[in-house]
C-alpha atoms as a PDB file:
ATOM      1  CA  MET A   1      -0.058   0.203  -0.113  1.00  0.00           C
ATOM      2  CA  MET A   2       1.180   3.523  -0.922  1.00  0.00           C
ATOM      3  CA  GLU A   3       1.481   5.632   2.397  1.00  0.00           C
ATOM      4  CA  LEU A   4       1.212   9.470   2.537  1.00  0.00           C
ATOM      5  CA  LYS A   5       4.144  11.486   3.633  1.00  0.00           C
ATOM      6  CA  THR A   6       4.346  11.434   7.382  1.00  0.00           C
ATOM      7  CA  ALA A   7       4.542  15.263   7.230  1.00  0.00           C
ATOM      8  CA  ASP A   8       1.327  15.654   5.104  1.00  0.00           C
ATOM      9  CA  ILE A   9      -0.876  13.007   7.736  1.00  0.00           C
ATOM     10  CA  GLU A  10       0.511  14.858  10.424  1.00  0.00           C
ATOM     11  CA  GLY A  11      -0.800  17.998   9.403  1.00  0.00           C
ATOM     12  CA  ARG A  12      -4.030  16.803   8.011  1.00  0.00           C
ATOM     13  CA  ILE A  13      -4.390  15.018  12.266  1.00  0.00           C
ATOM     14  CA  ALA A  14      -2.899  18.636  13.698  1.00  0.00           C
ATOM     15  CA  SER A  15      -5.504  20.909  11.732  1.00  0.00           C
ATOM     16  CA  ARG A  16      -8.696  18.673  12.155  1.00  0.00           C
ATOM     17  CA  LEU A  17      -7.717  18.492  15.738  1.00  0.00           C
ATOM     18  CA  ARG A  18      -7.358  22.458  15.890  1.00  0.00           C
ATOM     19  CA  GLU A  19     -10.619  22.737  14.218  1.00  0.00           C
ATOM     20  CA  LEU A  20     -12.604  20.143  16.438  1.00  0.00           C
ATOM     21  CA  ARG A  21     -11.341  22.138  19.604  1.00  0.00           C
ATOM     22  CA  ALA A  22     -12.266  25.139  18.592  1.00  0.00           C
ATOM     23  CA  ARG A  23     -15.434  24.069  17.428  1.00  0.00           C
ATOM     24  CA  GLN A  24     -16.366  23.178  21.008  1.00  0.00           C
ATOM     25  CA  GLU A  25     -14.879  25.861  22.349  1.00  0.00           C
ATOM     26  CA  LEU A  26     -12.362  23.674  24.433  1.00  0.00           C
ATOM     27  CA  THR A  27      -8.780  24.950  26.167  1.00  0.00           C
ATOM     28  CA  LEU A  28      -5.820  22.410  25.369  1.00  0.00           C
ATOM     29  CA  ASP A  29      -6.173  22.419  29.574  1.00  0.00           C
ATOM     30  CA  GLU A  30     -10.269  21.430  28.901  1.00  0.00           C
ATOM     31  CA  LEU A  31      -9.254  18.546  26.382  1.00  0.00           C
ATOM     32  CA  SER A  32      -6.632  17.506  28.786  1.00  0.00           C
ATOM     33  CA  ARG A  33      -8.574  16.993  31.327  1.00  0.00           C
ATOM     34  CA  ARG A  34     -11.317  15.099  28.764  1.00  0.00           C
ATOM     35  CA  SER A  35      -9.269  12.878  27.561  1.00  0.00           C
ATOM     36  CA  GLY A  36      -6.225  11.919  29.772  1.00  0.00           C
ATOM     37  CA  VAL A  37      -3.523  13.056  26.980  1.00  0.00           C
ATOM     38  CA  SER A  38      -1.720  15.459  28.151  1.00  0.00           C
ATOM     39  CA  ARG A  39      -1.847  19.394  27.128  1.00  0.00           C
ATOM     40  CA  SER A  40       2.223  19.528  26.265  1.00  0.00           C
ATOM     41  CA  MET A  41       0.854  16.772  24.429  1.00  0.00           C
ATOM     42  CA  ILE A  42      -2.202  17.811  22.442  1.00  0.00           C
ATOM     43  CA  SER A  43      -0.055  21.028  21.734  1.00  0.00           C
ATOM     44  CA  LEU A  44       3.018  19.241  20.044  1.00  0.00           C
ATOM     45  CA  ILE A  45      -0.044  17.414  17.849  1.00  0.00           C
ATOM     46  CA  GLU A  46      -1.709  20.503  16.814  1.00  0.00           C
ATOM     47  CA  ARG A  47       1.350  21.781  15.619  1.00  0.00           C
ATOM     48  CA  ALA A  48       2.068  18.838  13.994  1.00  0.00           C
ATOM     49  CA  GLU A  49       5.209  18.401  15.708  1.00  0.00           C
ATOM     50  CA  SER A  50       4.462  14.786  17.326  1.00  0.00           C
ATOM     51  CA  SER A  51       3.805  11.679  15.828  1.00  0.00           C
ATOM     52  CA  PRO A  52       0.904  10.557  17.860  1.00  0.00           C
ATOM     53  CA  THR A  53       0.149   6.432  18.732  1.00  0.00           C
ATOM     54  CA  ALA A  54      -3.032   5.194  17.912  1.00  0.00           C
ATOM     55  CA  ASN A  55      -3.937   4.942  21.147  1.00  0.00           C
ATOM     56  CA  VAL A  56      -3.786   8.767  21.873  1.00  0.00           C
ATOM     57  CA  LEU A  57      -5.530   9.586  18.599  1.00  0.00           C
ATOM     58  CA  ASP A  58      -8.029   7.192  20.129  1.00  0.00           C
ATOM     59  CA  LYS A  59      -8.837   9.361  23.568  1.00  0.00           C
ATOM     60  CA  LEU A  60      -8.901  12.402  21.973  1.00  0.00           C
ATOM     61  CA  SER A  61     -11.270  10.913  19.123  1.00  0.00           C
ATOM     62  CA  ALA A  62     -13.625  10.242  21.692  1.00  0.00           C
ATOM     63  CA  SER A  63     -13.298  13.091  24.155  1.00  0.00           C
ATOM     64  CA  LEU A  64     -14.516  15.057  20.929  1.00  0.00           C
ATOM     65  CA  GLY A  65     -16.896  13.078  20.247  1.00  0.00           C
ATOM     66  CA  VAL A  66     -15.765  11.560  17.012  1.00  0.00           C
ATOM     67  CA  THR A  67     -14.430   8.609  15.354  1.00  0.00           C
ATOM     68  CA  LEU A  68     -10.980   8.351  15.127  1.00  0.00           C
ATOM     69  CA  ALA A  69     -11.238   7.923  11.210  1.00  0.00           C
ATOM     70  CA  SER A  70     -12.609  11.241  11.155  1.00  0.00           C
ATOM     71  CA  LEU A  71      -9.212  12.776  12.065  1.00  0.00           C
ATOM     72  CA  PHE A  72      -7.514  11.778   8.877  1.00  0.00           C
ATOM     73  CA  ALA A  73     -10.284  13.539   7.257  1.00  0.00           C
ATOM     74  CA  PRO A  74     -10.972  17.383   5.528  1.00  0.00           C
ATOM     75  CA  GLN A  75     -13.770  18.793   7.521  1.00  0.00           C
ATOM     76  CA  GLU A  76     -17.196  17.619   5.333  1.00  0.00           C
ATOM     77  CA  ARG A  77     -18.545  19.773   3.020  1.00  0.00           C
ATOM     78  CA  GLY A  78     -21.669  19.938   0.990  1.00  0.00           C
ATOM     79  CA  ASN A  79     -20.419  19.592  -2.587  1.00  0.00           C
ATOM     80  CA  ALA A  80     -17.732  16.872  -1.894  1.00  0.00           C
ATOM     81  CA  PRO A  81     -17.629  14.251  -4.700  1.00  0.00           C
ATOM     82  CA  PRO A  82     -18.892  10.730  -3.822  1.00  0.00           C
ATOM     83  CA  VAL A  83     -16.176   8.955  -5.220  1.00  0.00           C
ATOM     84  CA  ALA A  84     -12.711   8.402  -3.235  1.00  0.00           C
ATOM     85  CA  ARG A  85     -10.056   7.543  -5.491  1.00  0.00           C
ATOM     86  CA  ARG A  86      -7.178   4.957  -4.693  1.00  0.00           C
ATOM     87  CA  LYS A  87      -4.696   7.441  -4.860  1.00  0.00           C
ATOM     88  CA  ASP A  88      -6.328   9.676  -2.567  1.00  0.00           C
ATOM     89  CA  GLN A  89      -7.575   7.905   0.008  1.00  0.00           C
ATOM     90  CA  ALA A  90      -5.728   9.000   3.391  1.00  0.00           C
ATOM     91  CA  GLU A  91      -2.949   6.161   5.095  1.00  0.00           C
ATOM     92  CA  TRP A  92      -1.466   6.445   8.334  1.00  0.00           C
ATOM     93  CA  ARG A  93       1.189   4.555  10.388  1.00  0.00           C
ATOM     94  CA  ASP A  94       1.139   3.725  14.181  1.00  0.00           C
ATOM     95  CA  PRO A  95       4.436   4.943  14.588  1.00  0.00           C
ATOM     96  CA  GLU A  96       4.410   2.117  17.943  1.00  0.00           C
ATOM     97  CA  THR A  97       3.065  -1.229  16.631  1.00  0.00           C
ATOM     98  CA  GLY A  98       4.097  -0.294  12.927  1.00  0.00           C
ATOM     99  CA  TYR A  99      -0.149  -0.803  11.997  1.00  0.00           C
ATOM    100  CA  ILE A 100      -1.699   1.209   8.356  1.00  0.00           C
ATOM    101  CA  ARG A 101      -5.106   2.372   8.478  1.00  0.00           C
ATOM    102  CA  ARG A 102      -6.438   3.614   5.059  1.00  0.00           C
ATOM    103  CA  ASN A 103      -9.593   5.690   4.937  1.00  0.00           C
ATOM    104  CA  LEU A 104     -11.760   4.412   1.977  1.00  0.00           C
ATOM    105  CA  SER A 105     -14.591   6.625   2.358  1.00  0.00           C
ATOM    106  CA  PRO A 106     -14.683   9.647  -0.144  1.00  0.00           C
ATOM    107  CA  PRO A 107     -13.021  12.606   2.400  1.00  0.00           C
ATOM    108  CA  GLY A 108     -15.625  15.329   3.082  1.00  0.00           C
ATOM    109  CA  PHE A 109     -18.515  13.670   1.815  1.00  0.00           C
ATOM    110  CA  PRO A 110     -21.809  13.951   4.354  1.00  0.00           C
ATOM    111  CA  SER A 111     -21.929  10.162   5.224  1.00  0.00           C
ATOM    112  CA  PRO A 112     -22.927   8.796   8.703  1.00  0.00           C
ATOM    113  CA  LEU A 113     -21.289   5.380   7.236  1.00  0.00           C
ATOM    114  CA  GLU A 114     -17.557   5.335   7.530  1.00  0.00           C
ATOM    115  CA  LEU A 115     -15.306   2.415   6.079  1.00  0.00           C
ATOM    116  CA  VAL A 116     -11.349   1.752   6.793  1.00  0.00           C
ATOM    117  CA  GLU A 117      -9.174  -0.931   5.860  1.00  0.00           C
ATOM    118  CA  VAL A 118      -6.221  -2.169   8.443  1.00  0.00           C
ATOM    119  CA  LEU A 119      -2.905  -3.656   7.825  1.00  0.00           C
ATOM    120  CA  LEU A 120      -1.724  -5.317  10.776  1.00  0.00           C
ATOM    121  CA  PRO A 121       1.801  -6.485  11.258  1.00  0.00           C
ATOM    122  CA  ALA A 122       3.038  -9.947  12.150  1.00  0.00           C
ATOM    123  CA  GLY A 123       2.830 -10.362  16.192  1.00  0.00           C
ATOM    124  CA  ALA A 124       1.574  -6.552  16.024  1.00  0.00           C
ATOM    125  CA  ARG A 125      -1.027  -5.272  18.896  1.00  0.00           C
ATOM    126  CA  VAL A 126      -3.427  -2.420  18.442  1.00  0.00           C
ATOM    127  CA  ALA A 127      -5.204  -1.062  21.668  1.00  0.00           C
ATOM    128  CA  TYR A 128      -8.097   1.305  22.625  1.00  0.00           C
ATOM    129  CA  ASP A 129      -9.250   2.016  26.200  1.00  0.00           C
ATOM    130  CA  SER A 130     -11.030   5.034  25.566  1.00  0.00           C
ATOM    131  CA  GLY A 131     -14.118   2.766  26.591  1.00  0.00           C
ATOM    132  CA  PHE A 132     -17.711   4.625  26.231  1.00  0.00           C
ATOM    133  CA  ARG A 133     -18.366   7.135  23.648  1.00  0.00           C
ATOM    134  CA  GLU A 134     -20.837   9.855  23.022  1.00  0.00           C
ATOM    135  CA  PRO A 135     -22.377   9.831  20.499  1.00  0.00           C
ATOM    136  CA  HIS A 136     -22.523   6.016  20.574  1.00  0.00           C
ATOM    137  CA  VAL A 137     -20.475   4.116  17.865  1.00  0.00           C
ATOM    138  CA  ASP A 138     -21.210   0.778  16.281  1.00  0.00           C
ATOM    139  CA  GLN A 139     -18.345  -1.153  14.692  1.00  0.00           C
ATOM    140  CA  GLN A 140     -18.459  -3.997  12.132  1.00  0.00           C
ATOM    141  CA  VAL A 141     -14.696  -6.407  11.421  1.00  0.00           C
ATOM    142  CA  PHE A 142     -14.297  -7.690   8.174  1.00  0.00           C
ATOM    143  CA  VAL A 143     -11.140 -10.072   8.331  1.00  0.00           C
ATOM    144  CA  LEU A 144     -10.552  -9.946   4.600  1.00  0.00           C
ATOM    145  CA  GLU A 145      -6.673 -11.978   5.039  1.00  0.00           C
ATOM    146  CA  GLY A 146      -4.918 -13.883   7.405  1.00  0.00           C
ATOM    147  CA  ALA A 147      -6.385 -14.213  11.307  1.00  0.00           C
ATOM    148  CA  VAL A 148      -7.199 -11.105  14.043  1.00  0.00           C
ATOM    149  CA  GLU A 149      -8.096 -11.714  17.696  1.00  0.00           C
ATOM    150  CA  VAL A 150     -10.345  -8.814  18.805  1.00  0.00           C
ATOM    151  CA  THR A 151     -10.818  -8.460  22.382  1.00  0.00           C
ATOM    152  CA  VAL A 152     -14.350  -6.251  23.208  1.00  0.00           C
ATOM    153  CA  GLY A 153     -13.909  -5.819  26.655  1.00  0.00           C
ATOM    154  CA  GLU A 154     -13.637  -9.520  28.310  1.00  0.00           C
ATOM    155  CA  THR A 155     -14.454 -11.149  25.997  1.00  0.00           C
ATOM    156  CA  LEU A 156     -11.919 -12.433  23.152  1.00  0.00           C
ATOM    157  CA  HIS A 157     -13.190 -13.400  18.994  1.00  0.00           C
ATOM    158  CA  ARG A 158     -10.684 -15.250  17.157  1.00  0.00           C
ATOM    159  CA  LEU A 159     -11.657 -14.414  13.477  1.00  0.00           C
ATOM    160  CA  ASP A 160     -10.180 -16.177  10.303  1.00  0.00           C
ATOM    161  CA  ALA A 161     -10.707 -14.606   6.927  1.00  0.00           C
ATOM    162  CA  GLY A 162     -14.330 -14.415   6.197  1.00  0.00           C
ATOM    163  CA  ASP A 163     -15.432 -13.520   9.352  1.00  0.00           C
ATOM    164  CA  CYS A 164     -17.464 -10.394  10.744  1.00  0.00           C
ATOM    165  CA  LEU A 165     -17.528  -9.189  14.329  1.00  0.00           C
ATOM    166  CA  ALA A 166     -20.247  -6.765  14.877  1.00  0.00           C
ATOM    167  CA  MET A 167     -19.628  -4.354  18.294  1.00  0.00           C
ATOM    168  CA  GLN A 168     -20.382  -1.313  19.730  1.00  0.00           C
ATOM    169  CA  LEU A 169     -17.698   0.622  20.708  1.00  0.00           C
ATOM    170  CA  ASP A 170     -18.536   1.133  24.237  1.00  0.00           C
ATOM    171  CA  ARG A 171     -15.436  -0.253  26.323  1.00  0.00           C
ATOM    172  CA  PRO A 172     -12.051  -0.792  25.689  1.00  0.00           C
ATOM    173  CA  VAL A 173     -11.127  -2.999  22.803  1.00  0.00           C
ATOM    174  CA  SER A 174      -7.831  -4.318  20.767  1.00  0.00           C
ATOM    175  CA  PHE A 175      -7.129  -6.145  17.495  1.00  0.00           C
ATOM    176  CA  ARG A 176      -4.129  -8.610  17.747  1.00  0.00           C
ATOM    177  CA  ASN A 177      -2.440 -10.656  14.633  1.00  0.00           C
ATOM    178  CA  ARG A 178      -0.729 -13.211  16.087  1.00  0.00           C
ATOM    179  CA  GLY A 179       0.040 -14.970  12.707  1.00  0.00           C
ATOM    180  CA  PRO A 180       3.337 -15.016  10.699  1.00  0.00           C
ATOM    181  CA  LYS A 181       2.769 -12.559   8.080  1.00  0.00           C
ATOM    182  CA  PRO A 182       0.563  -9.143   8.389  1.00  0.00           C
ATOM    183  CA  SER A 183      -3.524  -9.405   8.537  1.00  0.00           C
ATOM    184  CA  ARG A 184      -5.855  -7.402   6.555  1.00  0.00           C
ATOM    185  CA  HIS A 185      -9.072  -5.969   7.713  1.00  0.00           C
ATOM    186  CA  LEU A 186     -12.072  -3.892   7.001  1.00  0.00           C
ATOM    187  CA  VAL A 187     -13.496  -1.612   9.298  1.00  0.00           C
ATOM    188  CA  ALA A 188     -17.578  -0.208   8.743  1.00  0.00           C
ATOM    189  CA  LEU A 189     -18.346   2.367  11.677  1.00  0.00           C
ATOM    190  CA  THR A 190     -20.815   4.502  12.085  1.00  0.00           C
ATOM    191  CA  THR A 191     -22.314   6.995  14.831  1.00  0.00           C
ATOM    192  CA  ARG A 192     -26.207   7.590  16.569  1.00  0.00           C
ATOM    193  CA  LYS A 193     -26.452  10.264  19.016  1.00  0.00           C
ATOM    194  CA  GLY A 194     -28.776   9.429  22.133  1.00  0.00           C
ATOM    195  CA  SER A 195     -28.601   5.392  21.592  1.00  0.00           C
ATOM    196  CA  VAL A 196     -26.464   2.930  20.733  1.00  0.00           C
ATOM    197  CA  MET A 197     -24.749   2.620  17.650  1.00  0.00           C
ATOM    198  CA  THR A 198     -24.414  -0.064  14.495  1.00  0.00           C
ATOM    199  CA  LEU A 199     -21.767  -1.460  11.975  1.00  0.00           C
ATOM    200  CA  PRO A 200     -17.374  -0.990   9.448  1.00  0.00           C
ATOM    201  CA  THR A 201      -8.625   0.575  12.038  1.00  0.00           C
ATOM    202  CA  ALA A 202      -8.933   1.647  12.686  1.00  0.00           C
ATOM    203  CA  ARG A 203      -9.677   3.697  16.798  1.00  0.00           C
ATOM    204  CA  GLY A 204     -11.007   1.499  13.302  1.00  0.00           C
ATOM    205  CA  LYS A 205     -10.679   1.872  14.827  1.00  0.00           C
END
């Protein structure tokens, strides 16, 4: 998979995070208290001077009431094209685990559904410990290649190619590839305010 330049994707994350924080009129200190991420780390991310991990970005997205995938997308706009060409799909590599997530959905197009493809290196484990979210998020994980262990709260699910798991993002979630080769899975997710959610990294998550 082709990967966007690190500076480009970190710049997009920085801009999106600043935009979301400003929209909610949150100070750095307030977002830090909400998310559990230090004020200095948030400031570095907003200046594109740090390479945050997937877990850190998941904490920030959960505290801002958005999905992790939305941090990699430009602001929604009514005239956005409904097609996302392969060359324009944003890819990001987690500096901690090396996992790669690719946003498949058309960027900026107003839709409640987001699609993400995740490549998980052999032996890698990615954990998201944000737990409950508002608005609620539903997610489904469909394994395309290899096998993935998905732990939702205390429940472990072992998924092989062709298996699909549905879950609500209301508790910690982790993904693990114990195999000798990279695995690949599709994540579909959507948000629903005021009730529990539906559907599929990437925190994907």
